[in-house]
Amino acid sequence: GSEKVSNFFYNETRESLGSVMVVEKDPVVLAEC
């Protein structure tokens, strides 16, 4: 429900921490990620 908090989790921490959270409901697609 929050665009900014979602962006923090999924994109923004790539620069500060070197990592992000990735969510994909299909486990086959998640494995490919």
All heavy atoms as atom14 arrays in JSON, in Angstrom:
{
  "sequence": "GSEKVSNFFYNETRESLGSVMVVEKDPVVLAEC",
  "atom14_mask": [
    [1, 1, 1, 1, 0, 0, 0, 0, 0, 0, 0, 0, 0, 0],
    [1, 1, 1, 1, 1, 1, 0, 0, 0, 0, 0, 0, 0, 0],
    [1, 1, 1, 1, 1, 1, 1, 1, 1, 0, 0, 0, 0, 0],
    [1, 1, 1, 1, 1, 1, 1, 1, 1, 0, 0, 0, 0, 0],
    [1, 1, 1, 1, 1, 1, 1, 0, 0, 0, 0, 0, 0, 0],
    [1, 1, 1, 1, 1, 1, 0, 0, 0, 0, 0, 0, 0, 0],
    [1, 1, 1, 1, 1, 1, 1, 1, 0, 0, 0, 0, 0, 0],
    [1, 1, 1, 1, 1, 1, 1, 1, 1, 1, 1, 0, 0, 0],
    [1, 1, 1, 1, 1, 1, 1, 1, 1, 1, 1, 0, 0, 0],
    [1, 1, 1, 1, 1, 1, 1, 1, 1, 1, 1, 1, 0, 0],
    [1, 1, 1, 1, 1, 1, 1, 1, 0, 0, 0, 0, 0, 0],
    [1, 1, 1, 1, 1, 1, 1, 1, 1, 0, 0, 0, 0, 0],
    [1, 1, 1, 1, 1, 1, 1, 0, 0, 0, 0, 0, 0, 0],
    [1, 1, 1, 1, 1, 1, 1, 1, 1, 1, 1, 0, 0, 0],
    [1, 1, 1, 1, 1, 1, 1, 1, 1, 0, 0, 0, 0, 0],
    [1, 1, 1, 1, 1, 1, 0, 0, 0, 0, 0, 0, 0, 0],
    [1, 1, 1, 1, 1, 1, 1, 1, 0, 0, 0, 0, 0, 0],
    [1, 1, 1, 1, 0, 0, 0, 0, 0, 0, 0, 0, 0, 0],
    [1, 1, 1, 1, 1, 1, 0, 0, 0, 0, 0, 0, 0, 0],
    [1, 1, 1, 1, 1, 1, 1, 0, 0, 0, 0, 0, 0, 0],
    [1, 1, 1, 1, 1, 1, 1, 1, 0, 0, 0, 0, 0, 0],
    [1, 1, 1, 1, 1, 1, 1, 0, 0, 0, 0, 0, 0, 0],
    [1, 1, 1, 1, 1, 1, 1, 0, 0, 0, 0, 0, 0, 0],
    [1, 1, 1, 1, 1, 1, 1, 1, 1, 0, 0, 0, 0, 0],
    [1, 1, 1, 1, 1, 1, 1, 1, 1, 0, 0, 0, 0, 0],
    [1, 1, 1, 1, 1, 1, 1, 1, 0, 0, 0, 0, 0, 0],
    [1, 1, 1, 1, 1, 1, 1, 0, 0, 0, 0, 0, 0, 0],
    [1, 1, 1, 1, 1, 1, 1, 0, 0, 0, 0, 0, 0, 0],
    [1, 1, 1, 1, 1, 1, 1, 0, 0, 0, 0, 0, 0, 0],
    [1, 1, 1, 1, 1, 1, 1, 1, 0, 0, 0, 0, 0, 0],
    [1, 1, 1, 1, 1, 0, 0, 0, 0, 0, 0, 0, 0, 0],
    [1, 1, 1, 1, 1, 1, 1, 1, 1, 0, 0, 0, 0, 0],
    [1, 1, 1, 1, 1, 1, 0, 0, 0, 0, 0, 0, 0, 0]
  ],
  "atom14_positions": [
    [[0.8, -1.22, 0.0], [0.0, 0.0, 0.0], [0.83, 1.26, 0.0], [0.3, 2.36, -0.18], [0.0, 0.0, 0.0], [0.0, 0.0, 0.0], [0.0, 0.0, 0.0], [0.0, 0.0, 0.0], [0.0, 0.0, 0.0], [0.0, 0.0, 0.0], [0.0, 0.0, 0.0], [0.0, 0.0, 0.0], [0.0, 0.0, 0.0], [0.0, 0.0, 0.0]],
    [[2.15, 1.13, 0.2], [3.05, 2.27, 0.19], [4.06, 2.13, -0.94], [4.9, 1.23, -0.92], [3.8, 2.39, 1.51], [4.89, 3.29, 1.4], [0.0, 0.0, 0.0], [0.0, 0.0, 0.0], [0.0, 0.0, 0.0], [0.0, 0.0, 0.0], [0.0, 0.0, 0.0], [0.0, 0.0, 0.0], [0.0, 0.0, 0.0], [0.0, 0.0, 0.0]],
    [[3.99, 3.03, -1.89], [4.95, 3.0, -3.0], [6.37, 3.25, -2.52], [7.32, 2.61, -2.98], [4.55, 4.06, -4.04], [5.41, 4.05, -5.29], [4.95, 5.07, -6.32], [3.78, 5.49, -6.26], [5.78, 5.43, -7.18], [0.0, 0.0, 0.0], [0.0, 0.0, 0.0], [0.0, 0.0, 0.0], [0.0, 0.0, 0.0], [0.0, 0.0, 0.0]],
    [[6.52, 4.15, -1.56], [7.87, 4.51, -1.1], [8.5, 3.39, -0.26], [9.69, 3.08, -0.43], [7.81, 5.81, -0.3], [7.52, 7.02, -1.18], [7.48, 8.31, -0.37], [7.23, 9.5, -1.29], [7.17, 10.78, -0.52], [0.0, 0.0, 0.0], [0.0, 0.0, 0.0], [0.0, 0.0, 0.0], [0.0, 0.0, 0.0], [0.0, 0.0, 0.0]],
    [[7.74, 2.8, 0.64], [8.28, 1.7, 1.44], [8.58, 0.5, 0.55], [9.61, -0.17, 0.71], [7.32, 1.33, 2.59], [7.8, 0.08, 3.32], [7.18, 2.49, 3.57], [0.0, 0.0, 0.0], [0.0, 0.0, 0.0], [0.0, 0.0, 0.0], [0.0, 0.0, 0.0], [0.0, 0.0, 0.0], [0.0, 0.0, 0.0], [0.0, 0.0, 0.0]],
    [[7.71, 0.2, -0.39], [7.95, -0.9, -1.33], [9.23, -0.66, -2.12], [10.05, -1.57, -2.29], [6.77, -1.05, -2.29], [5.59, -1.42, -1.6], [0.0, 0.0, 0.0], [0.0, 0.0, 0.0], [0.0, 0.0, 0.0], [0.0, 0.0, 0.0], [0.0, 0.0, 0.0], [0.0, 0.0, 0.0], [0.0, 0.0, 0.0], [0.0, 0.0, 0.0]],
    [[9.41, 0.56, -2.6], [10.61, 0.88, -3.37], [11.86, 0.73, -2.51], [12.91, 0.29, -2.99], [10.52, 2.31, -3.92], [11.68, 2.63, -4.84], [11.88, 1.98, -5.87], [12.46, 3.64, -4.48], [0.0, 0.0, 0.0], [0.0, 0.0, 0.0], [0.0, 0.0, 0.0], [0.0, 0.0, 0.0], [0.0, 0.0, 0.0], [0.0, 0.0, 0.0]],
    [[11.75, 1.08, -1.23], [12.88, 0.92, -0.31], [13.29, -0.54, -0.22], [14.47, -0.88, -0.27], [12.49, 1.45, 1.07], [13.62, 1.47, 2.07], [14.48, 2.54, 2.14], [13.82, 0.4, 2.94], [15.53, 2.56, 3.06], [14.85, 0.41, 3.86], [15.71, 1.5, 3.92], [0.0, 0.0, 0.0], [0.0, 0.0, 0.0], [0.0, 0.0, 0.0]],
    [[12.31, -1.44, -0.09], [12.58, -2.87, 0.01], [13.1, -3.45, -1.29], [14.06, -4.22, -1.3], [11.29, -3.62, 0.4], [11.08, -3.79, 1.87], [10.79, -2.7, 2.69], [11.17, -5.04, 2.46], [10.57, -2.85, 4.04], [10.96, -5.2, 3.83], [10.66, -4.1, 4.62], [0.0, 0.0, 0.0], [0.0, 0.0, 0.0], [0.0, 0.0, 0.0]],
    [[12.46, -3.09, -2.39], [12.7, -3.79, -3.66], [13.77, -3.16, -4.54], [14.3, -3.83, -5.43], [11.39, -3.88, -4.46], [10.26, -4.58, -3.74], [8.96, -4.09, -3.79], [10.49, -5.74, -3.01], [7.92, -4.73, -3.13], [9.45, -6.39, -2.35], [8.17, -5.88, -2.41], [7.14, -6.51, -1.76], [0.0, 0.0, 0.0], [0.0, 0.0, 0.0]],
    [[14.12, -1.9, -4.3], [15.06, -1.23, -5.2], [16.13, -0.41, -4.48], [17.31, -0.52, -4.76], [14.3, -0.3, -6.17], [13.35, -1.06, -7.07], [13.75, -1.93, -7.82], [12.06, -0.72, -7.0], [0.0, 0.0, 0.0], [0.0, 0.0, 0.0], [0.0, 0.0, 0.0], [0.0, 0.0, 0.0], [0.0, 0.0, 0.0], [0.0, 0.0, 0.0]],
    [[15.7, 0.44, -3.56], [16.58, 1.47, -3.02], [17.78, 0.93, -2.27], [18.88, 1.5, -2.32], [15.77, 2.41, -2.12], [16.49, 3.67, -1.75], [15.61, 4.62, -0.97], [14.43, 4.79, -1.34], [16.11, 5.21, 0.01], [0.0, 0.0, 0.0], [0.0, 0.0, 0.0], [0.0, 0.0, 0.0], [0.0, 0.0, 0.0], [0.0, 0.0, 0.0]],
    [[17.61, -0.18, -1.56], [18.72, -0.71, -0.75], [19.81, -1.36, -1.61], [20.85, -1.73, -1.08], [18.22, -1.72, 0.3], [17.46, -2.73, -0.36], [17.36, -1.03, 1.35], [0.0, 0.0, 0.0], [0.0, 0.0, 0.0], [0.0, 0.0, 0.0], [0.0, 0.0, 0.0], [0.0, 0.0, 0.0], [0.0, 0.0, 0.0], [0.0, 0.0, 0.0]],
    [[19.56, -1.48, -2.91], [20.62, -2.03, -3.77], [21.87, -1.15, -3.7], [23.0, -1.64, -3.66], [20.14, -2.14, -5.22], [21.13, -2.88, -6.13], [20.66, -2.91, -7.57], [19.37, -3.53, -7.73], [19.15, -4.85, -7.76], [20.17, -5.68, -7.61], [17.93, -5.32, -7.93], [0.0, 0.0, 0.0], [0.0, 0.0, 0.0], [0.0, 0.0, 0.0]],
    [[21.66, 0.16, -3.69], [22.8, 1.08, -3.65], [23.42, 1.16, -2.26], [24.63, 1.14, -2.11], [22.35, 2.48, -4.1], [23.5, 3.48, -4.15], [23.06, 4.83, -4.68], [21.95, 4.92, -5.25], [23.84, 5.79, -4.54], [0.0, 0.0, 0.0], [0.0, 0.0, 0.0], [0.0, 0.0, 0.0], [0.0, 0.0, 0.0], [0.0, 0.0, 0.0]],
    [[22.58, 1.23, -1.21], [23.12, 1.41, 0.14], [23.66, 0.12, 0.76], [24.69, 0.14, 1.44], [22.04, 2.0, 1.06], [20.89, 1.17, 1.08], [0.0, 0.0, 0.0], [0.0, 0.0, 0.0], [0.0, 0.0, 0.0], [0.0, 0.0, 0.0], [0.0, 0.0, 0.0], [0.0, 0.0, 0.0], [0.0, 0.0, 0.0], [0.0, 0.0, 0.0]],
    [[22.98, -1.0, 0.52], [23.38, -2.27, 1.14], [23.96, -3.27, 0.15], [24.58, -4.26, 0.55], [22.18, -2.91, 1.83], [21.51, -2.12, 2.95], [20.27, -2.87, 3.46], [22.47, -1.85, 4.09], [0.0, 0.0, 0.0], [0.0, 0.0, 0.0], [0.0, 0.0, 0.0], [0.0, 0.0, 0.0], [0.0, 0.0, 0.0], [0.0, 0.0, 0.0]],
    [[23.73, -3.05, -1.13], [24.18, -4.01, -2.14], [23.22, -5.16, -2.34], [23.59, -6.19, -2.91], [0.0, 0.0, 0.0], [0.0, 0.0, 0.0], [0.0, 0.0, 0.0], [0.0, 0.0, 0.0], [0.0, 0.0, 0.0], [0.0, 0.0, 0.0], [0.0, 0.0, 0.0], [0.0, 0.0, 0.0], [0.0, 0.0, 0.0], [0.0, 0.0, 0.0]],
    [[21.96, -4.98, -1.87], [21.0, -6.09, -1.95], [19.58, -5.55, -1.96], [19.33, -4.42, -1.52], [21.18, -7.03, -0.76], [20.92, -6.32, 0.45], [0.0, 0.0, 0.0], [0.0, 0.0, 0.0], [0.0, 0.0, 0.0], [0.0, 0.0, 0.0], [0.0, 0.0, 0.0], [0.0, 0.0, 0.0], [0.0, 0.0, 0.0], [0.0, 0.0, 0.0]],
    [[18.65, -6.4, -2.41], [17.23, -6.05, -2.42], [16.4, -7.28, -2.07], [16.92, -8.4, -2.03], [16.77, -5.52, -3.81], [17.43, -4.19, -4.13], [17.06, -6.55, -4.91], [0.0, 0.0, 0.0], [0.0, 0.0, 0.0], [0.0, 0.0, 0.0], [0.0, 0.0, 0.0], [0.0, 0.0, 0.0], [0.0, 0.0, 0.0], [0.0, 0.0, 0.0]],
    [[15.11, -7.04, -1.84], [14.15, -8.13, -1.7], [13.5, -8.37, -3.06], [13.11, -7.41, -3.74], [13.1, -7.79, -0.65], [11.94, -8.8, -0.58], [10.66, -8.35, 0.63], [11.29, -9.18, 2.09], [0.0, 0.0, 0.0], [0.0, 0.0, 0.0], [0.0, 0.0, 0.0], [0.0, 0.0, 0.0], [0.0, 0.0, 0.0], [0.0, 0.0, 0.0]],
    [[13.37, -9.65, -3.44], [12.72, -10.03, -4.69], [11.53, -10.93, -4.36], [11.69, -11.9, -3.62], [13.69, -10.77, -5.63], [12.99, -11.21, -6.92], [14.9, -9.9, -5.95], [0.0, 0.0, 0.0], [0.0, 0.0, 0.0], [0.0, 0.0, 0.0], [0.0, 0.0, 0.0], [0.0, 0.0, 0.0], [0.0, 0.0, 0.0], [0.0, 0.0, 0.0]],
    [[10.36, -10.59, -4.88], [9.15, -11.39, -4.63], [8.58, -11.85, -5.97], [8.36, -11.04, -6.87], [8.09, -10.6, -3.86], [6.83, -11.44, -3.67], [8.63, -10.16, -2.5], [0.0, 0.0, 0.0], [0.0, 0.0, 0.0], [0.0, 0.0, 0.0], [0.0, 0.0, 0.0], [0.0, 0.0, 0.0], [0.0, 0.0, 0.0], [0.0, 0.0, 0.0]],
    [[8.36, -13.14, -6.1], [7.74, -13.74, -7.28], [6.95, -14.95, -6.82], [7.51, -15.88, -6.26], [8.82, -14.14, -8.29], [8.34, -14.96, -9.46], [7.19, -14.33, -10.22], [7.36, -13.2, -10.73], [6.11, -14.95, -10.27], [0.0, 0.0, 0.0], [0.0, 0.0, 0.0], [0.0, 0.0, 0.0], [0.0, 0.0, 0.0], [0.0, 0.0, 0.0]],
    [[5.64, -14.92, -7.05], [4.77, -15.97, -6.52], [5.09, -17.35, -7.08], [5.02, -18.36, -6.38], [3.31, -15.62, -6.79], [2.34, -16.6, -6.16], [0.89, -16.18, -6.33], [-0.05, -17.19, -5.68], [-1.46, -16.81, -5.82], [0.0, 0.0, 0.0], [0.0, 0.0, 0.0], [0.0, 0.0, 0.0], [0.0, 0.0, 0.0], [0.0, 0.0, 0.0]],
    [[5.46, -17.43, -8.36], [5.76, -18.71, -9.01], [7.17, -19.14, -8.61], [8.15, -18.47, -8.95], [5.66, -18.54, -10.52], [5.84, -19.85, -11.28], [6.46, -20.79, -10.73], [5.38, -19.93, -12.43], [0.0, 0.0, 0.0], [0.0, 0.0, 0.0], [0.0, 0.0, 0.0], [0.0, 0.0, 0.0], [0.0, 0.0, 0.0], [0.0, 0.0, 0.0]],
    [[7.33, -20.27, -7.91], [8.67, -20.67, -7.45], [9.63, -20.99, -8.59], [10.85, -20.84, -8.44], [8.4, -21.91, -6.58], [7.06, -22.41, -7.01], [6.29, -21.21, -7.43], [0.0, 0.0, 0.0], [0.0, 0.0, 0.0], [0.0, 0.0, 0.0], [0.0, 0.0, 0.0], [0.0, 0.0, 0.0], [0.0, 0.0, 0.0], [0.0, 0.0, 0.0]],
    [[9.1, -21.43, -9.74], [9.97, -21.68, -10.89], [10.59, -20.37, -11.37], [11.79, -20.28, -11.64], [9.18, -22.37, -12.02], [10.05, -22.49, -13.27], [8.72, -23.75, -11.58], [0.0, 0.0, 0.0], [0.0, 0.0, 0.0], [0.0, 0.0, 0.0], [0.0, 0.0, 0.0], [0.0, 0.0, 0.0], [0.0, 0.0, 0.0], [0.0, 0.0, 0.0]],
    [[9.76, -19.35, -11.48], [10.25, -18.03, -11.9], [11.19, -17.46, -10.84], [12.21, -16.84, -11.17], [9.07, -17.08, -12.17], [9.57, -15.69, -12.54], [8.17, -17.62, -13.26], [0.0, 0.0, 0.0], [0.0, 0.0, 0.0], [0.0, 0.0, 0.0], [0.0, 0.0, 0.0], [0.0, 0.0, 0.0], [0.0, 0.0, 0.0], [0.0, 0.0, 0.0]],
    [[10.86, -17.68, -9.55], [11.74, -17.19, -8.48], [13.11, -17.84, -8.58], [14.14, -17.17, -8.42], [11.11, -17.49, -7.12], [11.84, -16.86, -5.92], [11.69, -15.34, -5.94], [11.31, -17.42, -4.6], [0.0, 0.0, 0.0], [0.0, 0.0, 0.0], [0.0, 0.0, 0.0], [0.0, 0.0, 0.0], [0.0, 0.0, 0.0], [0.0, 0.0, 0.0]],
    [[13.15, -19.14, -8.85], [14.43, -19.84, -9.03], [15.22, -19.23, -10.18], [16.45, -19.06, -10.08], [14.18, -21.33, -9.26], [0.0, 0.0, 0.0], [0.0, 0.0, 0.0], [0.0, 0.0, 0.0], [0.0, 0.0, 0.0], [0.0, 0.0, 0.0], [0.0, 0.0, 0.0], [0.0, 0.0, 0.0], [0.0, 0.0, 0.0], [0.0, 0.0, 0.0]],
    [[14.53, -18.89, -11.25], [15.21, -18.27, -12.4], [15.78, -16.9, -12.03], [16.86, -16.53, -12.49], [14.23, -18.15, -13.57], [13.87, -19.5, -14.18], [12.7, -19.43, -15.17], [12.11, -18.33, -15.29], [12.38, -20.46, -15.79], [0.0, 0.0, 0.0], [0.0, 0.0, 0.0], [0.0, 0.0, 0.0], [0.0, 0.0, 0.0], [0.0, 0.0, 0.0]],
    [[15.07, -16.17, -11.18], [15.59, -14.88, -10.69], [16.87, -15.08, -9.89], [17.84, -14.32, -10.04], [14.54, -14.19, -9.82], [13.08, -13.61, -10.68], [0.0, 0.0, 0.0], [0.0, 0.0, 0.0], [0.0, 0.0, 0.0], [0.0, 0.0, 0.0], [0.0, 0.0, 0.0], [0.0, 0.0, 0.0], [0.0, 0.0, 0.0], [0.0, 0.0, 0.0]]
  ]
}
